[in-house]
Amino acid sequence: MNRRTILAGTTALVTGALLLTACSSDPGTDGASGDGAVTLTLWQNSTTGDGMQYWQDMADAFHEQYPNVTVEVQSIQNEDMDGKLQTALNSGDAPDIFMARGGGKLADVVTAGQVMDLTDKLSDATTSAMGAAMSAFTIDGKVYGVPTAVLPEGFFYSQDLFDAAGITSTPTTLSELSDDVTALKANGTDAIAVGAKDAWPAAHWYYNFALRECSQDTMNKAASDRTFDDDCWLRAGEDLQTFAATEPFNNGFLTTSAQQGAGSSAGLVANHQAAMELMGAWDPGVIASLTPDEQALPDLAWFPFPEIDGGDGTPGAMMSGADGYSCYVNAPAECVDFLDFIATKANQEAYAAAFQTIPASSEAQGAVTDPALTKLLEAYKSAPYVMLWLDTMYGQNVGNALNVAVVNMLAGSGTPQDIVDAVNSAALKG
């Protein structure tokens, strides 16, 4: 999540939109391949509830507008998506439309020639509505995907559990967070849920410490030269190791999954068995799917990752991701029409409602009404800069090595220096 343009793809999330000249597809004329029927295969990562239904609704609505085009939707568990997709891409049997997260991961697919260049194909309406979020899917000035959601990160927490523990305000510093952890544990509550079984949720802790310890230039430089020799990377690991030593995480967090069932980290928050978790903007929707009545958690609230003393990062900077969709390089031309279709204001508003998250289209962000998400969106808009998840920004090989090394450290079988060494070693291998 690019040598290159990764930098643009990361910082541009908040520094400005890339204005692209594009040709508008004309439904009913350009939207079909001659007179023949067209089938588009789509891989998405929602396996239950309103999210999965959203994609079927989009497929049905698109078919109604383009009767000769059928979209076949396949749901892939999120944690399985990257591996299965890469296998499919390498075999030449990839879905026509597939989930993409931008950054170095997308850049690797671009380098392999496996994704369609959408530059000058998407409609002006799409590129205008997506604005700066489009930059996460722009590699060396060319567009390879359309974002559906922006996913800034922070702590989603139970206001009721905070109140019960006597916590009257959210923490703004790491010291205050530690105090709140102590208060929550004293009240008999697991303070912070972490789904370390899936690796990436634990690694996001390292990402945020790195965001505080490293300057924006340092993080961007690492994206371009794939070296992690600044001592901020080591300090980030030391920060996490020190914090973890206070035992802030739920019992058994190393074997806890992130989103699968009531025993997952999201499930623990959904059922008031843990007070908070560090997650992206998709979390309210996941938590809602895991409450006993499968409704939104009424006391769910949000606060940003605390600041630390002495770091090189700019206060207020945020970690984020950007979910989106790309077309396989050999996909039918109608794939582009589908991406334009899901980018419309109405369909982005429907996306926000189905996933209880923040849509990528600035025109649709008014549909966000959840109090936790509105506070998160406000922080996102005022952030001095936003960095992509590090396992996305630095590509799959480096990202996987980073995530595994962080979990190893938290399990007591690695050190902060091991994290830096693992990342540099993976970067050398390409």
Protein backbone atom coordinates (compact mmCIF):
# COMPACT_ATOMS: atom_id res chain seq x y z
CA MET A 1 0.00 0.00 0.00
CA ASN A 2 4.80 1.98 -4.01
CA ARG A 3 7.82 3.14 -4.54
CA ARG A 4 6.98 6.04 -6.09
CA THR A 5 3.61 6.86 -5.89
CA ILE A 6 2.94 5.15 -2.74
CA LEU A 7 4.03 8.30 -1.25
CA ALA A 8 1.60 10.20 -3.26
CA GLY A 9 -0.90 7.50 -2.55
CA THR A 10 -0.51 7.89 1.17
CA THR A 11 -0.12 11.55 1.83
CA ALA A 12 -2.52 12.54 -0.86
CA LEU A 13 -5.29 11.05 1.21
CA VAL A 14 -5.35 14.35 3.00
CA THR A 15 -3.14 16.64 1.02
CA GLY A 16 -5.33 16.96 -1.99
CA ALA A 17 -7.20 15.28 -4.77
CA LEU A 18 -5.73 14.19 -8.06
CA LEU A 19 -7.87 15.65 -10.76
CA LEU A 20 -8.15 13.23 -13.61
CA THR A 21 -9.51 13.72 -17.06
CA ALA A 22 -11.86 10.90 -17.86
CA CYS A 23 -14.43 9.78 -20.36
CA SER A 24 -17.92 9.12 -19.12
CA SER A 25 -19.44 5.77 -19.91
CA ASP A 26 -22.86 6.02 -21.44
CA PRO A 27 -25.20 3.37 -20.04
CA GLY A 28 -26.91 1.52 -22.81
CA THR A 29 -24.31 2.36 -25.43
CA ASP A 30 -20.79 1.87 -24.09
CA GLY A 31 -21.94 -0.42 -21.29
CA ALA A 32 -22.12 -3.67 -23.25
CA SER A 33 -19.83 -5.78 -25.38
CA GLY A 34 -21.68 -5.81 -28.66
CA ASP A 35 -24.95 -7.70 -28.46
CA GLY A 36 -23.67 -10.56 -26.34
CA ALA A 37 -24.33 -11.29 -22.71
CA VAL A 38 -21.55 -10.40 -20.32
CA THR A 39 -20.80 -11.95 -16.95
CA LEU A 40 -18.63 -10.15 -14.43
CA THR A 41 -17.25 -12.00 -11.42
CA LEU A 42 -16.81 -9.99 -8.22
CA TRP A 43 -14.85 -10.88 -5.09
CA GLN A 44 -15.71 -8.92 -1.96
CA ASN A 45 -14.99 -9.52 1.74
CA SER A 46 -18.35 -9.26 3.46
CA THR A 47 -19.61 -12.71 4.44
CA THR A 48 -22.69 -11.87 6.50
CA GLY A 49 -25.56 -9.45 6.99
CA ASP A 50 -26.13 -6.09 5.37
CA GLY A 51 -22.66 -5.87 3.85
CA MET A 52 -23.03 -9.07 1.88
CA GLN A 53 -26.56 -8.06 0.90
CA TYR A 54 -25.26 -4.69 -0.34
CA TRP A 55 -23.15 -6.34 -2.99
CA GLN A 56 -26.00 -8.55 -4.18
CA ASP A 57 -28.23 -5.47 -4.32
CA MET A 58 -25.61 -3.67 -6.42
CA ALA A 59 -25.34 -6.65 -8.76
CA ASP A 60 -29.12 -6.77 -9.17
CA ALA A 61 -29.46 -3.02 -9.70
CA PHE A 62 -26.61 -2.98 -12.21
CA HIS A 63 -28.25 -5.81 -14.15
CA GLU A 64 -31.47 -3.82 -14.23
CA GLN A 65 -29.62 -0.87 -15.75
CA TYR A 66 -27.47 -3.04 -18.02
CA PRO A 67 -29.70 -6.06 -18.84
CA ASN A 68 -26.99 -7.81 -20.84
CA VAL A 69 -24.56 -7.78 -17.88
CA THR A 70 -24.74 -10.19 -14.95
CA VAL A 71 -22.53 -9.69 -11.91
CA GLU A 72 -21.76 -12.85 -9.96
CA VAL A 73 -20.82 -11.99 -6.37
CA GLN A 74 -18.51 -14.20 -4.33
CA SER A 75 -17.89 -13.52 -0.63
CA ILE A 76 -14.36 -14.15 0.66
CA GLN A 77 -13.47 -14.03 4.36
CA ASN A 78 -11.37 -10.90 4.86
CA GLU A 79 -8.36 -12.71 6.30
CA ASP A 80 -8.37 -15.09 3.30
CA MET A 81 -8.78 -12.42 0.63
CA ASP A 82 -5.18 -11.41 -0.05
CA GLY A 83 -3.86 -14.94 -0.37
CA LYS A 84 -6.68 -16.27 -2.53
CA LEU A 85 -6.64 -13.20 -4.75
CA GLN A 86 -2.90 -13.37 -5.31
CA THR A 87 -3.18 -17.05 -6.23
CA ALA A 88 -5.98 -16.28 -8.67
CA LEU A 89 -4.08 -13.39 -10.22
CA ASN A 90 -0.94 -15.47 -10.63
CA SER A 91 -2.90 -18.30 -12.24
CA GLY A 92 -4.52 -15.98 -14.78
CA ASP A 93 -7.96 -16.92 -13.49
CA ALA A 94 -8.75 -13.82 -11.43
CA PRO A 95 -12.18 -12.32 -10.79
CA ASP A 96 -13.10 -9.46 -13.12
CA ILE A 97 -13.69 -7.12 -10.17
CA PHE A 98 -11.73 -7.55 -6.97
CA MET A 99 -11.24 -5.80 -3.68
CA ALA A 100 -8.10 -3.65 -3.50
CA ARG A 101 -6.61 -1.57 -0.75
CA GLY A 102 -4.21 0.61 -2.70
CA GLY A 103 -0.62 1.40 -1.75
CA GLY A 104 2.25 -1.03 -2.16
CA LYS A 105 -0.01 -4.06 -2.45
CA LEU A 106 -1.72 -2.55 -5.48
CA ALA A 107 1.61 -1.35 -6.86
CA ASP A 108 2.88 -4.93 -6.82
CA VAL A 109 -0.15 -6.03 -8.86
CA VAL A 110 0.41 -3.15 -11.26
CA THR A 111 4.04 -4.16 -11.71
CA ALA A 112 2.90 -7.71 -12.48
CA GLY A 113 0.55 -6.40 -15.17
CA GLN A 114 -2.50 -7.93 -13.50
CA VAL A 115 -4.79 -4.91 -13.10
CA MET A 116 -6.56 -2.66 -15.61
CA ASP A 117 -5.39 0.92 -16.08
CA LEU A 118 -8.53 2.94 -15.42
CA THR A 119 -7.02 6.30 -16.30
CA ASP A 120 -9.25 8.08 -18.82
CA LYS A 121 -11.85 5.33 -18.45
CA LEU A 122 -13.70 6.29 -15.29
CA SER A 123 -16.36 8.98 -15.45
CA ASP A 124 -15.61 12.55 -14.42
CA ALA A 125 -18.33 12.21 -11.80
CA THR A 126 -16.50 9.31 -10.14
CA THR A 127 -13.09 10.95 -10.03
CA SER A 128 -14.57 14.21 -8.77
CA ALA A 129 -16.67 12.61 -6.03
CA MET A 130 -13.82 10.43 -4.76
CA GLY A 131 -11.39 13.31 -4.72
CA ALA A 132 -8.29 12.79 -2.59
CA ALA A 133 -9.26 9.22 -1.69
CA MET A 134 -8.54 8.29 -5.32
CA SER A 135 -4.86 8.89 -4.67
CA ALA A 136 -4.52 5.63 -2.73
CA PHE A 137 -5.28 3.86 -6.01
CA THR A 138 -3.04 6.01 -8.17
CA ILE A 139 0.35 4.58 -9.11
CA ASP A 140 2.82 6.71 -11.07
CA GLY A 141 0.03 9.01 -12.18
CA LYS A 142 -2.28 6.25 -13.40
CA VAL A 143 -5.50 5.11 -11.74
CA TYR A 144 -6.04 1.43 -10.94
CA GLY A 145 -9.04 1.36 -8.65
CA VAL A 146 -12.02 3.18 -7.19
CA PRO A 147 -12.28 3.61 -3.42
CA THR A 148 -15.48 2.68 -1.64
CA ALA A 149 -14.56 3.64 1.91
CA VAL A 150 -11.96 5.59 3.85
CA LEU A 151 -11.04 3.83 7.07
CA PRO A 152 -9.23 6.04 9.56
CA GLU A 153 -8.33 4.37 12.82
CA GLY A 154 -8.65 4.93 16.53
CA PHE A 155 -10.23 3.39 19.62
CA PHE A 156 -13.84 2.27 19.55
CA TYR A 157 -14.98 1.94 23.14
CA SER A 158 -17.96 1.31 25.38
CA GLN A 159 -19.03 4.51 27.10
CA ASP A 160 -20.96 2.46 29.68
CA LEU A 161 -17.85 0.51 30.69
CA PHE A 162 -15.79 3.68 30.87
CA ASP A 163 -18.47 5.27 33.07
CA ALA A 164 -18.60 2.21 35.30
CA ALA A 165 -14.84 2.43 35.79
CA GLY A 166 -15.10 6.09 36.76
CA ILE A 167 -13.38 7.37 33.62
CA THR A 168 -14.69 10.85 32.94
CA SER A 169 -12.74 11.77 29.80
CA THR A 170 -10.95 9.94 27.02
CA PRO A 171 -7.16 9.68 27.14
CA THR A 172 -5.04 12.03 25.08
CA THR A 173 -1.64 10.70 26.16
CA LEU A 174 -0.21 7.21 26.54
CA SER A 175 0.07 7.78 30.27
CA GLU A 176 -3.63 8.58 30.48
CA LEU A 177 -4.45 5.48 28.45
CA SER A 178 -2.47 3.38 30.91
CA ASP A 179 -4.38 4.96 33.80
CA ASP A 180 -7.67 4.07 32.11
CA VAL A 181 -6.50 0.51 31.56
CA THR A 182 -5.77 0.25 35.26
CA ALA A 183 -9.20 1.63 36.17
CA LEU A 184 -11.00 -0.74 33.81
CA LYS A 185 -9.12 -3.79 35.06
CA ALA A 186 -9.82 -2.79 38.65
CA ASN A 187 -13.50 -2.73 37.73
CA GLY A 188 -13.29 -6.30 36.47
CA THR A 189 -13.24 -5.53 32.75
CA ASP A 190 -10.79 -6.58 30.07
CA ALA A 191 -9.49 -3.17 29.03
CA ILE A 192 -8.41 -3.62 25.41
CA ALA A 193 -9.40 -6.40 23.04
CA VAL A 194 -6.87 -7.45 20.40
CA GLY A 195 -7.35 -10.12 17.75
CA ALA A 196 -3.70 -11.08 17.53
CA LYS A 197 -4.51 -14.48 16.05
CA ASP A 198 -5.01 -12.65 12.76
CA ALA A 199 -1.70 -10.78 13.22
CA TRP A 200 -2.73 -7.51 11.59
CA PRO A 201 -4.79 -6.22 14.55
CA ALA A 202 -1.75 -6.58 16.80
CA ALA A 203 0.49 -5.05 14.15
CA HIS A 204 -1.75 -1.99 13.98
CA TRP A 205 -0.51 -1.15 17.45
CA TYR A 206 3.02 -0.98 16.07
CA TYR A 207 1.80 1.09 13.11
CA ASN A 208 0.36 3.72 15.43
CA PHE A 209 3.44 3.86 17.63
CA ALA A 210 5.49 4.27 14.44
CA LEU A 211 3.14 7.06 13.36
CA ARG A 212 3.92 8.87 16.61
CA GLU A 213 7.68 8.11 16.63
CA CYS A 214 8.50 8.64 12.93
CA SER A 215 8.14 11.77 10.85
CA GLN A 216 5.97 11.77 7.77
CA ASP A 217 9.10 12.13 5.62
CA THR A 218 10.70 9.11 7.24
CA MET A 219 7.64 6.95 6.66
CA ASN A 220 7.37 8.08 3.06
CA LYS A 221 11.09 7.57 2.48
CA ALA A 222 10.79 3.99 3.70
CA ALA A 223 8.01 3.48 1.17
CA SER A 224 10.25 4.60 -1.66
CA ASP A 225 13.58 3.00 -0.74
CA ARG A 226 12.31 0.12 1.43
CA THR A 227 14.85 0.68 4.16
CA PHE A 228 13.96 1.04 7.81
CA ASP A 229 17.18 2.37 9.29
CA ASP A 230 15.81 5.36 11.19
CA ASP A 231 15.83 4.61 14.92
CA CYS A 232 12.17 5.64 15.13
CA TRP A 233 11.25 2.17 13.87
CA LEU A 234 13.05 0.62 16.82
CA ARG A 235 11.52 3.12 19.25
CA ALA A 236 8.06 2.20 18.02
CA GLY A 237 8.69 -1.44 18.90
CA GLU A 238 10.08 -0.48 22.28
CA ASP A 239 7.00 1.65 22.99
CA LEU A 240 4.72 -1.26 22.20
CA GLN A 241 6.77 -3.71 24.21
CA THR A 242 6.69 -1.42 27.23
CA PHE A 243 2.97 -0.82 26.94
CA ALA A 244 2.22 -4.52 26.47
CA ALA A 245 4.16 -5.28 29.64
CA THR A 246 1.38 -3.55 31.59
CA GLU A 247 -0.94 -6.35 30.39
CA PRO A 248 -3.60 -4.09 28.87
CA PHE A 249 -4.97 -6.71 26.45
CA ASN A 250 -7.70 -9.30 26.92
CA ASN A 251 -6.83 -12.69 28.34
CA GLY A 252 -5.81 -14.98 25.51
CA PHE A 253 -5.40 -12.15 23.02
CA LEU A 254 -2.74 -14.09 21.10
CA THR A 255 -5.35 -16.70 20.15
CA THR A 256 -8.24 -14.24 19.74
CA SER A 257 -9.48 -13.61 16.21
CA ALA A 258 -10.44 -10.14 15.05
CA GLN A 259 -13.95 -10.36 13.67
CA GLN A 260 -15.16 -13.94 13.63
CA GLY A 261 -17.86 -14.54 16.24
CA ALA A 262 -18.65 -13.45 19.77
CA GLY A 263 -15.23 -14.51 21.02
CA SER A 264 -13.39 -12.25 18.61
CA SER A 265 -12.00 -8.91 19.67
CA ALA A 266 -14.93 -7.11 18.04
CA GLY A 267 -17.28 -9.60 19.68
CA LEU A 268 -15.79 -8.92 23.12
CA VAL A 269 -16.53 -5.20 22.68
CA ALA A 270 -19.97 -5.95 21.22
CA ASN A 271 -20.89 -7.97 24.32
CA HIS A 272 -19.28 -5.65 26.90
CA GLN A 273 -16.62 -8.20 27.78
CA ALA A 274 -13.88 -5.75 26.82
CA ALA A 275 -13.97 -1.98 26.92
CA MET A 276 -12.28 -0.98 23.68
CA GLU A 277 -10.25 -1.98 20.64
CA LEU A 278 -7.97 -0.21 18.19
CA MET A 279 -9.63 -0.50 14.77
CA GLY A 280 -10.53 1.24 11.54
CA ALA A 281 -13.83 2.82 10.56
CA TRP A 282 -15.39 -0.51 9.64
CA ASP A 283 -15.55 -1.51 13.30
CA PRO A 284 -19.03 -0.17 14.18
CA GLY A 285 -20.53 -2.36 11.50
CA VAL A 286 -18.60 -5.44 12.60
CA ILE A 287 -19.46 -4.83 16.26
CA ALA A 288 -23.13 -4.36 15.36
CA SER A 289 -23.17 -7.74 13.62
CA LEU A 290 -21.90 -9.37 16.83
CA THR A 291 -24.21 -7.83 19.44
CA PRO A 292 -26.94 -10.15 20.80
CA ASP A 293 -29.65 -8.38 18.77
CA GLU A 294 -27.34 -7.67 15.81
CA GLN A 295 -28.01 -3.97 16.21
CA ALA A 296 -25.56 -1.11 16.64
CA LEU A 297 -23.96 -0.94 20.08
CA PRO A 298 -25.78 2.06 21.60
CA ASP A 299 -22.93 3.21 23.84
CA LEU A 300 -20.16 2.88 21.24
CA ALA A 301 -17.88 5.91 21.11
CA TRP A 302 -14.48 6.80 19.65
CA PHE A 303 -11.21 8.56 20.51
CA PRO A 304 -7.90 8.89 18.61
CA PHE A 305 -4.65 7.09 19.33
CA PRO A 306 -2.95 9.00 22.17
CA GLU A 307 0.05 11.22 21.66
CA ILE A 308 3.47 10.28 23.07
CA ASP A 309 6.37 12.35 24.38
CA GLY A 310 9.35 13.01 22.14
CA GLY A 311 8.16 11.43 18.91
CA ASP A 312 8.87 12.87 15.46
CA GLY A 313 5.32 12.44 14.16
CA THR A 314 3.02 15.42 13.93
CA PRO A 315 0.29 15.42 16.59
CA GLY A 316 -3.07 14.54 15.15
CA ALA A 317 -1.69 12.41 12.32
CA MET A 318 -3.74 9.29 11.68
CA MET A 319 -3.43 5.79 10.35
CA SER A 320 -6.00 4.81 7.76
CA GLY A 321 -6.86 2.49 4.95
CA ALA A 322 -8.99 2.81 1.86
CA ASP A 323 -11.07 -0.09 0.63
CA GLY A 324 -11.80 -0.07 -3.05
CA TYR A 325 -12.25 -2.16 -6.16
CA SER A 326 -10.17 -2.77 -9.25
CA CYS A 327 -10.63 -4.52 -12.59
CA TYR A 328 -8.55 -7.49 -13.67
CA VAL A 329 -6.40 -6.56 -16.64
CA ASN A 330 -8.42 -8.80 -18.98
CA ALA A 331 -11.85 -7.97 -17.54
CA PRO A 332 -14.66 -6.94 -19.91
CA ALA A 333 -15.05 -3.21 -20.45
CA GLU A 334 -18.28 -3.33 -18.47
CA CYS A 335 -16.16 -3.64 -15.33
CA VAL A 336 -15.46 0.08 -15.56
CA ASP A 337 -19.18 0.82 -15.78
CA PHE A 338 -19.73 -1.18 -12.61
CA LEU A 339 -17.07 0.81 -10.76
CA ASP A 340 -18.72 4.05 -11.89
CA PHE A 341 -22.07 2.61 -10.81
CA ILE A 342 -21.03 1.85 -7.23
CA ALA A 343 -19.37 5.28 -6.96
CA THR A 344 -22.59 7.26 -7.41
CA LYS A 345 -23.83 9.30 -4.45
CA ALA A 346 -26.86 7.08 -3.86
CA ASN A 347 -24.87 3.86 -3.96
CA GLN A 348 -22.15 5.29 -1.75
CA GLU A 349 -24.79 6.33 0.76
CA ALA A 350 -26.17 2.80 0.62
CA TYR A 351 -22.63 1.50 1.21
CA ALA A 352 -22.27 3.70 4.29
CA ALA A 353 -25.56 2.42 5.68
CA ALA A 354 -24.87 -1.24 4.94
CA PHE A 355 -21.36 -1.27 6.36
CA GLN A 356 -21.88 1.42 9.01
CA THR A 357 -18.70 3.12 7.88
CA ILE A 358 -17.39 6.22 6.09
CA PRO A 359 -17.94 6.24 2.31
CA ALA A 360 -15.09 7.43 0.10
CA SER A 361 -17.28 9.83 -1.85
CA SER A 362 -17.28 13.26 -0.26
CA GLU A 363 -20.77 13.72 -1.68
CA ALA A 364 -22.05 10.78 0.36
CA GLN A 365 -20.29 11.43 3.67
CA GLY A 366 -23.30 13.38 4.91
CA ALA A 367 -24.98 10.01 5.32
CA VAL A 368 -22.70 9.25 8.27
CA THR A 369 -24.77 9.79 11.41
CA ASP A 370 -23.32 7.31 13.92
CA PRO A 371 -21.85 9.44 16.74
CA ALA A 372 -18.62 7.43 16.89
CA LEU A 373 -18.12 7.69 13.14
CA THR A 374 -18.97 11.39 12.94
CA LYS A 375 -16.31 12.10 15.55
CA LEU A 376 -13.86 9.91 13.67
CA LEU A 377 -14.67 11.63 10.37
CA GLU A 378 -14.14 15.03 11.97
CA ALA A 379 -10.69 13.98 13.21
CA TYR A 380 -9.85 12.54 9.78
CA LYS A 381 -10.73 15.75 8.00
CA SER A 382 -8.61 17.84 10.36
CA ALA A 383 -5.59 15.49 10.51
CA PRO A 384 -2.32 17.05 9.33
CA TYR A 385 -1.68 13.91 7.29
CA VAL A 386 -2.87 10.34 7.02
CA MET A 387 -0.69 7.28 6.46
CA LEU A 388 -1.84 4.00 4.95
CA TRP A 389 -1.60 0.84 7.03
CA LEU A 390 2.05 -0.13 6.94
CA ASP A 391 1.36 -3.65 5.64
CA THR A 392 -0.47 -2.03 2.75
CA MET A 393 1.88 0.88 2.22
CA TYR A 394 5.03 -1.23 2.08
CA GLY A 395 3.61 -4.13 0.07
CA GLN A 396 2.60 -7.66 0.94
CA ASN A 397 6.03 -9.21 1.56
CA VAL A 398 7.27 -6.49 3.89
CA GLY A 399 3.85 -6.17 5.46
CA ASN A 400 3.55 -9.85 6.26
CA ALA A 401 7.03 -9.91 7.78
CA LEU A 402 6.19 -6.87 9.88
CA ASN A 403 2.93 -8.28 11.15
CA VAL A 404 4.44 -11.63 12.11
CA ALA A 405 7.39 -9.99 13.86
CA VAL A 406 5.08 -7.81 15.96
CA VAL A 407 3.06 -10.83 17.09
CA ASN A 408 6.26 -12.71 17.90
CA MET A 409 7.39 -9.85 20.11
CA LEU A 410 4.06 -9.72 21.91
CA ALA A 411 4.28 -13.50 22.41
CA GLY A 412 7.68 -13.09 24.03
CA SER A 413 9.64 -14.75 21.24
CA GLY A 414 10.99 -11.61 19.61
CA THR A 415 12.32 -8.14 20.31
CA PRO A 416 11.84 -4.65 18.90
CA GLN A 417 15.10 -5.08 17.01
CA ASP A 418 13.76 -8.32 15.53
CA ILE A 419 10.88 -6.33 14.03
CA VAL A 420 13.27 -3.93 12.30
CA ASP A 421 15.49 -6.78 11.13
CA ALA A 422 12.54 -8.77 9.76
CA VAL A 423 11.25 -5.80 7.79
CA ASN A 424 14.63 -4.93 6.32
CA SER A 425 15.24 -8.56 5.42
CA ALA A 426 11.87 -8.83 3.67
CA ALA A 427 12.52 -5.59 1.82
CA LEU A 428 15.83 -6.90 0.49
CA LYS A 429 14.08 -9.96 -0.91
CA GLY A 430 11.67 -7.72 -2.81
